[in-house]
PDB file of N, CA and C in Angstrom:
ATOM      1  N   HIS A   1       7.475   0.570 -29.517  1.00  0.00           N
ATOM      2  CA  HIS A   1       7.094   1.771 -28.800  1.00  0.00           C
ATOM      3  C   HIS A   1       6.669   1.751 -27.832  1.00  0.00           C
ATOM      4  N   SER A   2       6.097   2.903 -27.269  1.00  0.00           N
ATOM      5  CA  SER A   2       5.369   2.952 -25.875  1.00  0.00           C
ATOM      6  C   SER A   2       3.673   3.183 -26.024  1.00  0.00           C
ATOM      7  N   ALA A   3       4.324   3.420 -27.252  1.00  0.00           N
ATOM      8  CA  ALA A   3       2.197   3.688 -27.918  1.00  0.00           C
ATOM      9  C   ALA A   3       1.702   5.064 -27.330  1.00  0.00           C
ATOM     10  N   ILE A   4       2.860   5.862 -26.658  1.00  0.00           N
ATOM     11  CA  ILE A   4       2.618   7.099 -26.125  1.00  0.00           C
ATOM     12  C   ILE A   4       2.923   8.614 -26.018  1.00  0.00           C
ATOM     13  N   GLU A   5       3.921   9.422 -25.432  1.00  0.00           N
ATOM     14  CA  GLU A   5       4.720  10.412 -25.552  1.00  0.00           C
ATOM     15  C   GLU A   5       5.559  10.484 -24.578  1.00  0.00           C
ATOM     16  N   ASP A   6       4.422   9.928 -23.962  1.00  0.00           N
ATOM     17  CA  ASP A   6       5.599  10.436 -21.684  1.00  0.00           C
ATOM     18  C   ASP A   6       5.560   9.310 -21.565  1.00  0.00           C
ATOM     19  N   GLY A   7       6.229   9.678 -20.332  1.00  0.00           N
ATOM     20  CA  GLY A   7       6.929   8.233 -19.844  1.00  0.00           C
ATOM     21  C   GLY A   7       8.314   7.853 -20.184  1.00  0.00           C
ATOM     22  N   ASN A   8       9.390   6.891 -18.855  1.00  0.00           N
ATOM     23  CA  ASN A   8      10.089   6.506 -18.929  1.00  0.00           C
ATOM     24  C   ASN A   8      10.036   4.989 -17.906  1.00  0.00           C
ATOM     25  N   ALA A   9      11.180   4.474 -17.237  1.00  0.00           N
ATOM     26  CA  ALA A   9      10.809   3.567 -16.818  1.00  0.00           C
ATOM     27  C   ALA A   9      10.203   3.182 -15.224  1.00  0.00           C
ATOM     28  N   ALA A  10      10.656   4.630 -14.035  1.00  0.00           N
ATOM     29  CA  ALA A  10       9.756   4.502 -13.868  1.00  0.00           C
ATOM     30  C   ALA A  10       8.660   5.107 -13.865  1.00  0.00           C
ATOM     31  N   VAL A  11       8.007   5.908 -15.062  1.00  0.00           N
ATOM     32  CA  VAL A  11       6.105   4.834 -14.777  1.00  0.00           C
ATOM     33  C   VAL A  11       5.735   4.750 -15.312  1.00  0.00           C
ATOM     34  N   TYR A  12       6.090   4.180 -16.553  1.00  0.00           N
ATOM     35  CA  TYR A  12       5.552   2.833 -16.971  1.00  0.00           C
ATOM     36  C   TYR A  12       5.111   0.780 -15.683  1.00  0.00           C
ATOM     37  N   ASP A  13       7.038   1.056 -15.271  1.00  0.00           N
ATOM     38  CA  ASP A  13       7.179   0.260 -13.620  1.00  0.00           C
ATOM     39  C   ASP A  13       5.987   0.932 -12.788  1.00  0.00           C
ATOM     40  N   ALA A  14       5.720   2.376 -12.230  1.00  0.00           N
ATOM     41  CA  ALA A  14       4.229   2.216 -11.587  1.00  0.00           C
ATOM     42  C   ALA A  14       2.917   1.654 -12.626  1.00  0.00           C
ATOM     43  N   ALA A  15       2.774   1.993 -13.429  1.00  0.00           N
ATOM     44  CA  ALA A  15       1.653   0.860 -14.136  1.00  0.00           C
ATOM     45  C   ALA A  15       2.040  -0.278 -13.961  1.00  0.00           C
ATOM     46  N   HIS A  16       2.229  -0.454 -13.897  1.00  0.00           N
ATOM     47  CA  HIS A  16       3.019  -2.492 -14.947  1.00  0.00           C
ATOM     48  C   HIS A  16       2.779  -3.159 -13.664  1.00  0.00           C
ATOM     49  N   ARG A  17       3.066  -2.457 -12.586  1.00  0.00           N
ATOM     50  CA  ARG A  17       2.516  -2.554 -11.259  1.00  0.00           C
ATOM     51  C   ARG A  17       1.131  -2.510 -11.130  1.00  0.00           C
ATOM     52  N   ARG A  18       0.465  -2.088 -11.613  1.00  0.00           N
ATOM     53  CA  ARG A  18      -1.093  -1.522 -11.265  1.00  0.00           C
ATOM     54  C   ARG A  18      -1.428  -2.380 -12.486  1.00  0.00           C
ATOM     55  N   ARG A  19      -0.298  -2.794 -12.876  1.00  0.00           N
ATOM     56  CA  ARG A  19      -1.622  -3.833 -13.940  1.00  0.00           C
ATOM     57  C   ARG A  19      -2.145  -5.402 -13.238  1.00  0.00           C
ATOM     58  N   GLY A  20      -0.750  -5.443 -11.663  1.00  0.00           N
ATOM     59  CA  GLY A  20      -0.887  -6.907 -11.507  1.00  0.00           C
ATOM     60  C   GLY A  20       0.396  -8.372 -11.985  1.00  0.00           C
ATOM     61  N   MET A  21       1.179  -7.239 -12.232  1.00  0.00           N
ATOM     62  CA  MET A  21       2.963  -7.550 -12.506  1.00  0.00           C
ATOM     63  C   MET A  21       3.844  -7.878 -11.852  1.00  0.00           C
ATOM     64  N   ALA A  22       3.930  -8.494 -10.843  1.00  0.00           N
ATOM     65  CA  ALA A  22       4.567  -8.607  -9.961  1.00  0.00           C
ATOM     66  C   ALA A  22       5.930  -7.921 -10.141  1.00  0.00           C
ATOM     67  N   ASN A  23       7.169  -8.604 -11.203  1.00  0.00           N
ATOM     68  CA  ASN A  23       8.493  -8.402 -11.055  1.00  0.00           C
ATOM     69  C   ASN A  23       8.256  -6.426 -11.389  1.00  0.00           C
ATOM     70  N   GLY A  24       6.616  -5.931 -11.529  1.00  0.00           N
ATOM     71  CA  GLY A  24       6.578  -4.144 -12.313  1.00  0.00           C
ATOM     72  C   GLY A  24       7.250  -4.056 -13.942  1.00  0.00           C
ATOM     73  N   LEU A  25       8.340  -3.154 -14.752  1.00  0.00           N
ATOM     74  CA  LEU A  25       8.597  -2.609 -14.960  1.00  0.00           C
ATOM     75  C   LEU A  25       8.391  -4.159 -16.375  1.00  0.00           C
ATOM     76  N   ALA A  26       8.255  -4.265 -17.204  1.00  0.00           N
ATOM     77  CA  ALA A  26       8.323  -5.316 -18.443  1.00  0.00           C
ATOM     78  C   ALA A  26       8.714  -5.612 -19.534  1.00  0.00           C
ATOM     79  N   TYR A  27       9.520  -4.530 -19.462  1.00  0.00           N
ATOM     80  CA  TYR A  27      11.273  -4.285 -20.282  1.00  0.00           C
ATOM     81  C   TYR A  27      12.087  -4.407 -19.514  1.00  0.00           C
ATOM     82  N   HIS A  28      13.338  -5.016 -20.432  1.00  0.00           N
ATOM     83  CA  HIS A  28      14.966  -5.130 -19.935  1.00  0.00           C
ATOM     84  C   HIS A  28      15.591  -3.862 -19.604  1.00  0.00           C
ATOM     85  N   PHE A  29      15.063  -2.100 -21.184  1.00  0.00           N
ATOM     86  CA  PHE A  29      15.245  -1.084 -21.415  1.00  0.00           C
ATOM     87  C   PHE A  29      14.101  -0.220 -21.604  1.00  0.00           C
ATOM     88  N   VAL A  30      15.021   0.834 -21.471  1.00  0.00           N
ATOM     89  CA  VAL A  30      13.459   2.112 -22.325  1.00  0.00           C
ATOM     90  C   VAL A  30      14.574   2.766 -22.077  1.00  0.00           C
ATOM     91  N   ILE A  31      14.129   2.946 -24.024  1.00  0.00           N
ATOM     92  CA  ILE A  31      15.132   4.700 -24.707  1.00  0.00           C
ATOM     93  C   ILE A  31      14.029   6.019 -24.133  1.00  0.00           C
ATOM     94  N   GLY A  32      14.189   6.739 -23.831  1.00  0.00           N
ATOM     95  CA  GLY A  32      13.864   7.959 -23.730  1.00  0.00           C
ATOM     96  C   GLY A  32      13.772   8.822 -24.794  1.00  0.00           C
ATOM     97  N   ASN A  33      12.928   9.453 -25.048  1.00  0.00           N
ATOM     98  CA  ASN A  33      12.619  10.414 -25.653  1.00  0.00           C
ATOM     99  C   ASN A  33      12.893  12.299 -25.910  1.00  0.00           C
ATOM    100  N   GLY A  34      12.921  12.488 -25.321  1.00  0.00           N
ATOM    101  CA  GLY A  34      13.195  13.847 -24.146  1.00  0.00           C
ATOM    102  C   GLY A  34      12.013  14.727 -23.444  1.00  0.00           C
ATOM    103  N   ARG A  35      11.287  13.670 -23.095  1.00  0.00           N
ATOM    104  CA  ARG A  35       9.992  13.509 -22.273  1.00  0.00           C
ATOM    105  C   ARG A  35      10.873  14.108 -20.772  1.00  0.00           C
ATOM    106  N   ASP A  36      10.587  12.588 -20.440  1.00  0.00           N
ATOM    107  CA  ASP A  36      10.675  11.853 -19.066  1.00  0.00           C
ATOM    108  C   ASP A  36      11.664  11.812 -18.551  1.00  0.00           C
ATOM    109  N   SER A  37      13.132  11.296 -19.516  1.00  0.00           N
ATOM    110  CA  SER A  37      13.475  11.166 -19.419  1.00  0.00           C
ATOM    111  C   SER A  37      14.659  11.989 -20.712  1.00  0.00           C
ATOM    112  N   PRO A  38      16.084  11.695 -20.966  1.00  0.00           N
ATOM    113  CA  PRO A  38      16.414  12.489 -21.377  1.00  0.00           C
ATOM    114  C   PRO A  38      16.543  11.930 -22.892  1.00  0.00           C
ATOM    115  N   GLU A  39      16.438  11.969 -24.044  1.00  0.00           N
ATOM    116  CA  GLU A  39      16.398  11.456 -25.340  1.00  0.00           C
ATOM    117  C   GLU A  39      17.489  10.638 -25.930  1.00  0.00           C
ATOM    118  N   GLY A  40      17.111   9.520 -25.690  1.00  0.00           N
ATOM    119  CA  GLY A  40      17.972   8.402 -25.988  1.00  0.00           C
ATOM    120  C   GLY A  40      19.212   8.260 -24.863  1.00  0.00           C
ATOM    121  N   ALA A  41      18.809   8.076 -23.445  1.00  0.00           N
ATOM    122  CA  ALA A  41      19.025   7.775 -22.681  1.00  0.00           C
ATOM    123  C   ALA A  41      18.376   6.535 -21.955  1.00  0.00           C
ATOM    124  N   ILE A  42      19.728   5.438 -22.026  1.00  0.00           N
ATOM    125  CA  ILE A  42      19.000   3.897 -22.023  1.00  0.00           C
ATOM    126  C   ILE A  42      18.665   4.020 -20.740  1.00  0.00           C
ATOM    127  N   GLU A  43      17.599   3.233 -20.626  1.00  0.00           N
ATOM    128  CA  GLU A  43      17.437   2.847 -18.564  1.00  0.00           C
ATOM    129  C   GLU A  43      17.594   1.011 -18.639  1.00  0.00           C
ATOM    130  N   ILE A  44      17.638   1.369 -17.627  1.00  0.00           N
ATOM    131  CA  ILE A  44      17.932   0.009 -17.266  1.00  0.00           C
ATOM    132  C   ILE A  44      17.343  -0.634 -16.137  1.00  0.00           C
ATOM    133  N   GLY A  45      16.059  -2.181 -16.433  1.00  0.00           N
ATOM    134  CA  GLY A  45      15.145  -1.794 -15.541  1.00  0.00           C
ATOM    135  C   GLY A  45      15.744  -3.176 -14.999  1.00  0.00           C
ATOM    136  N   PRO A  46      14.914  -3.337 -13.736  1.00  0.00           N
ATOM    137  CA  PRO A  46      15.475  -3.998 -13.231  1.00  0.00           C
ATOM    138  C   PRO A  46      15.123  -6.002 -13.861  1.00  0.00           C
ATOM    139  N   ARG A  47      14.347  -6.030 -14.878  1.00  0.00           N
ATOM    140  CA  ARG A  47      14.529  -7.529 -14.834  1.00  0.00           C
ATOM    141  C   ARG A  47      15.779  -7.987 -15.944  1.00  0.00           C
ATOM    142  N   TRP A  48      16.655  -6.886 -16.774  1.00  0.00           N
ATOM    143  CA  TRP A  48      18.364  -6.731 -16.767  1.00  0.00           C
ATOM    144  C   TRP A  48      18.644  -6.996 -15.849  1.00  0.00           C
ATOM    145  N   LEU A  49      18.768  -6.138 -14.592  1.00  0.00           N
ATOM    146  CA  LEU A  49      19.732  -6.818 -12.922  1.00  0.00           C
ATOM    147  C   LEU A  49      19.832  -7.479 -12.600  1.00  0.00           C
ATOM    148  N   ARG A  50      18.124  -8.297 -12.810  1.00  0.00           N
ATOM    149  CA  ARG A  50      18.087  -8.995 -11.696  1.00  0.00           C
ATOM    150  C   ARG A  50      18.514 -10.800 -12.630  1.00  0.00           C
ATOM    151  N   GLN A  51      18.384 -10.542 -14.259  1.00  0.00           N
ATOM    152  CA  GLN A  51      17.810 -11.264 -15.231  1.00  0.00           C
ATOM    153  C   GLN A  51      16.978 -11.947 -15.535  1.00  0.00           C
ATOM    154  N   LEU A  52      15.637 -11.895 -15.302  1.00  0.00           N
ATOM    155  CA  LEU A  52      14.859 -12.004 -14.996  1.00  0.00           C
ATOM    156  C   LEU A  52      13.594 -12.237 -16.481  1.00  0.00           C
ATOM    157  N   ASP A  53      13.072 -13.006 -17.161  1.00  0.00           N
ATOM    158  CA  ASP A  53      12.382 -13.025 -18.673  1.00  0.00           C
ATOM    159  C   ASP A  53      11.840 -12.005 -17.903  1.00  0.00           C
ATOM    160  N   GLY A  54      11.318 -11.190 -19.806  1.00  0.00           N
ATOM    161  CA  GLY A  54      10.841 -10.524 -19.706  1.00  0.00           C
ATOM    162  C   GLY A  54       9.323 -10.264 -19.370  1.00  0.00           C
ATOM    163  N   GLY A  55       8.777  -9.434 -19.760  1.00  0.00           N
ATOM    164  CA  GLY A  55       7.004  -9.424 -19.772  1.00  0.00           C
ATOM    165  C   GLY A  55       6.412  -9.008 -20.733  1.00  0.00           C
ATOM    166  N   HIS A  56       6.776  -8.643 -21.306  1.00  0.00           N
ATOM    167  CA  HIS A  56       6.594  -7.843 -22.719  1.00  0.00           C
ATOM    168  C   HIS A  56       5.788  -8.134 -23.889  1.00  0.00           C
ATOM    169  N   VAL A  57       5.646  -9.280 -23.329  1.00  0.00           N
ATOM    170  CA  VAL A  57       5.318  -9.801 -24.887  1.00  0.00           C
ATOM    171  C   VAL A  57       3.881 -11.328 -24.241  1.00  0.00           C
ATOM    172  N   ARG A  58       3.392 -11.528 -25.005  1.00  0.00           N
ATOM    173  CA  ARG A  58       2.053 -12.716 -24.186  1.00  0.00           C
ATOM    174  C   ARG A  58       2.319 -13.755 -24.572  1.00  0.00           C
ATOM    175  N   ALA A  59       3.647 -14.610 -25.746  1.00  0.00           N
ATOM    176  CA  ALA A  59       3.934 -15.310 -25.099  1.00  0.00           C
ATOM    177  C   ALA A  59       5.687 -15.798 -24.158  1.00  0.00           C
ATOM    178  N   GLU A  60       5.284 -16.476 -23.752  1.00  0.00           N
ATOM    179  CA  GLU A  60       5.936 -17.121 -22.645  1.00  0.00           C
ATOM    180  C   GLU A  60       7.589 -17.138 -23.950  1.00  0.00           C
ATOM    181  N   GLU A  61       6.749 -17.858 -23.855  1.00  0.00           N
ATOM    182  CA  GLU A  61       8.155 -18.334 -25.126  1.00  0.00           C
ATOM    183  C   GLU A  61       9.393 -17.223 -25.429  1.00  0.00           C
ATOM    184  N   PHE A  62       8.433 -15.937 -25.303  1.00  0.00           N
ATOM    185  CA  PHE A  62       9.773 -15.041 -25.997  1.00  0.00           C
ATOM    186  C   PHE A  62      10.541 -14.231 -24.924  1.00  0.00           C
ATOM    187  N   ASN A  63       8.503 -14.064 -23.752  1.00  0.00           N
ATOM    188  CA  ASN A  63       9.586 -13.474 -22.948  1.00  0.00           C
ATOM    189  C   ASN A  63      10.904 -13.582 -22.551  1.00  0.00           C
ATOM    190  N   ARG A  64      11.589 -15.909 -22.374  1.00  0.00           N
ATOM    191  CA  ARG A  64      12.305 -16.293 -21.966  1.00  0.00           C
ATOM    192  C   ARG A  64      12.641 -15.715 -22.901  1.00  0.00           C
ATOM    193  N   ARG A  65      13.258 -15.378 -23.641  1.00  0.00           N
ATOM    194  CA  ARG A  65      13.960 -15.877 -24.766  1.00  0.00           C
ATOM    195  C   ARG A  65      14.775 -14.334 -24.613  1.00  0.00           C
ATOM    196  N   GLY A  66      13.644 -13.946 -24.746  1.00  0.00           N
ATOM    197  CA  GLY A  66      14.098 -12.115 -25.226  1.00  0.00           C
ATOM    198  C   GLY A  66      14.117 -11.232 -24.777  1.00  0.00           C
ATOM    199  N   ILE A  67      15.160  -9.774 -24.767  1.00  0.00           N
ATOM    200  CA  ILE A  67      15.573  -9.108 -24.472  1.00  0.00           C
ATOM    201  C   ILE A  67      14.145  -7.996 -24.552  1.00  0.00           C
ATOM    202  N   GLY A  68      13.508  -7.142 -23.455  1.00  0.00           N
ATOM    203  CA  GLY A  68      12.530  -6.286 -24.180  1.00  0.00           C
ATOM    204  C   GLY A  68      12.900  -4.379 -24.328  1.00  0.00           C
ATOM    205  N   ILE A  69      12.591  -3.982 -24.717  1.00  0.00           N
ATOM    206  CA  ILE A  69      13.348  -2.175 -25.425  1.00  0.00           C
ATOM    207  C   ILE A  69      12.477  -1.736 -25.331  1.00  0.00           C
ATOM    208  N   CYS A  70      12.106  -1.210 -24.630  1.00  0.00           N
ATOM    209  CA  CYS A  70      11.383   0.246 -25.802  1.00  0.00           C
ATOM    210  C   CYS A  70      11.604   1.241 -24.899  1.00  0.00           C
ATOM    211  N   LEU A  71      10.806   1.983 -27.036  1.00  0.00           N
ATOM    212  CA  LEU A  71      11.884   3.007 -27.412  1.00  0.00           C
ATOM    213  C   LEU A  71      10.495   4.126 -26.688  1.00  0.00           C
ATOM    214  N   VAL A  72      10.200   5.339 -26.154  1.00  0.00           N
ATOM    215  CA  VAL A  72       9.671   6.046 -25.839  1.00  0.00           C
ATOM    216  C   VAL A  72       8.879   6.497 -27.594  1.00  0.00           C
ATOM    217  N   GLY A  73       7.559   6.792 -26.740  1.00  0.00           N
ATOM    218  CA  GLY A  73       7.454   7.009 -27.941  1.00  0.00           C
ATOM    219  C   GLY A  73       6.349   6.767 -28.640  1.00  0.00           C
ATOM    220  N   ASN A  74       5.688   7.663 -29.670  1.00  0.00           N
ATOM    221  CA  ASN A  74       4.277   6.825 -30.759  1.00  0.00           C
ATOM    222  C   ASN A  74       4.435   6.649 -31.864  1.00  0.00           C
ATOM    223  N   PHE A  75       5.262   5.633 -32.252  1.00  0.00           N
ATOM    224  CA  PHE A  75       5.702   6.013 -33.778  1.00  0.00           C
ATOM    225  C   PHE A  75       4.863   5.717 -35.656  1.00  0.00           C
ATOM    226  N   GLU A  76       3.764   5.501 -34.524  1.00  0.00           N
ATOM    227  CA  GLU A  76       2.480   6.207 -35.636  1.00  0.00           C
ATOM    228  C   GLU A  76       2.191   7.034 -36.079  1.00  0.00           C
ATOM    229  N   ARG A  77       2.961   8.136 -35.536  1.00  0.00           N
ATOM    230  CA  ARG A  77       1.906   9.589 -35.564  1.00  0.00           C
ATOM    231  C   ARG A  77       3.621  10.044 -35.578  1.00  0.00           C
ATOM    232  N   ARG A  78       4.767   9.861 -34.891  1.00  0.00           N
ATOM    233  CA  ARG A  78       6.277  10.215 -35.466  1.00  0.00           C
ATOM    234  C   ARG A  78       7.336   8.523 -35.114  1.00  0.00           C
ATOM    235  N   ALA A  79       7.687   8.852 -36.415  1.00  0.00           N
ATOM    236  CA  ALA A  79       9.171   8.440 -36.434  1.00  0.00           C
ATOM    237  C   ALA A  79      10.453   8.231 -34.310  1.00  0.00           C
ATOM    238  N   PRO A  80      10.818   7.788 -34.630  1.00  0.00           N
ATOM    239  CA  PRO A  80      11.451   6.883 -34.097  1.00  0.00           C
ATOM    240  C   PRO A  80      12.707   8.447 -34.025  1.00  0.00           C
ATOM    241  N   SER A  81      12.978   8.633 -32.567  1.00  0.00           N
ATOM    242  CA  SER A  81      14.656  10.492 -33.200  1.00  0.00           C
ATOM    243  C   SER A  81      15.928   9.840 -33.152  1.00  0.00           C
ATOM    244  N   GLU A  82      16.860  10.057 -33.745  1.00  0.00           N
ATOM    245  CA  GLU A  82      18.018   9.678 -33.584  1.00  0.00           C
ATOM    246  C   GLU A  82      18.540   9.271 -33.323  1.00  0.00           C
ATOM    247  N   ARG A  83      18.765  10.242 -31.729  1.00  0.00           N
ATOM    248  CA  ARG A  83      19.356   9.994 -30.854  1.00  0.00           C
ATOM    249  C   ARG A  83      18.882   8.155 -30.151  1.00  0.00           C
ATOM    250  N   GLN A  84      16.776   8.156 -30.364  1.00  0.00           N
ATOM    251  CA  GLN A  84      16.549   7.008 -30.221  1.00  0.00           C
ATOM    252  C   GLN A  84      17.579   5.671 -30.621  1.00  0.00           C
ATOM    253  N   LEU A  85      17.458   5.711 -31.635  1.00  0.00           N
ATOM    254  CA  LEU A  85      18.282   4.788 -32.497  1.00  0.00           C
ATOM    255  C   LEU A  85      19.215   4.045 -32.608  1.00  0.00           C
ATOM    256  N   ALA A  86      20.354   5.343 -32.388  1.00  0.00           N
ATOM    257  CA  ALA A  86      21.520   5.163 -31.951  1.00  0.00           C
ATOM    258  C   ALA A  86      21.938   4.912 -31.029  1.00  0.00           C
ATOM    259  N   SER A  87      20.929   5.022 -29.619  1.00  0.00           N
ATOM    260  CA  SER A  87      21.414   3.557 -28.539  1.00  0.00           C
ATOM    261  C   SER A  87      20.682   2.215 -28.992  1.00  0.00           C
ATOM    262  N   LEU A  88      19.688   2.482 -29.673  1.00  0.00           N
ATOM    263  CA  LEU A  88      19.042   0.433 -29.969  1.00  0.00           C
ATOM    264  C   LEU A  88      19.494   0.131 -30.442  1.00  0.00           C
TER     265      LEU A  88
END
């Protein structure tokens, strides 16, 4: 989860670039929660389109072998929506 209630792939891409990530968005996919993108909408990131390793965890081994999927929301405060889970 994104740990915040707002955002979408474009917002997170800009934030990751500001943090110095040359390839931007750390995830391959972002699933919206209805605020900045439709609820359950799957946004396909450039890492998937260009078949790049993820940047979503500190362990490079997992970034090389895993697919990064971020559900927008803070799941310490509320559960993911039914639409988000269906998209996942």
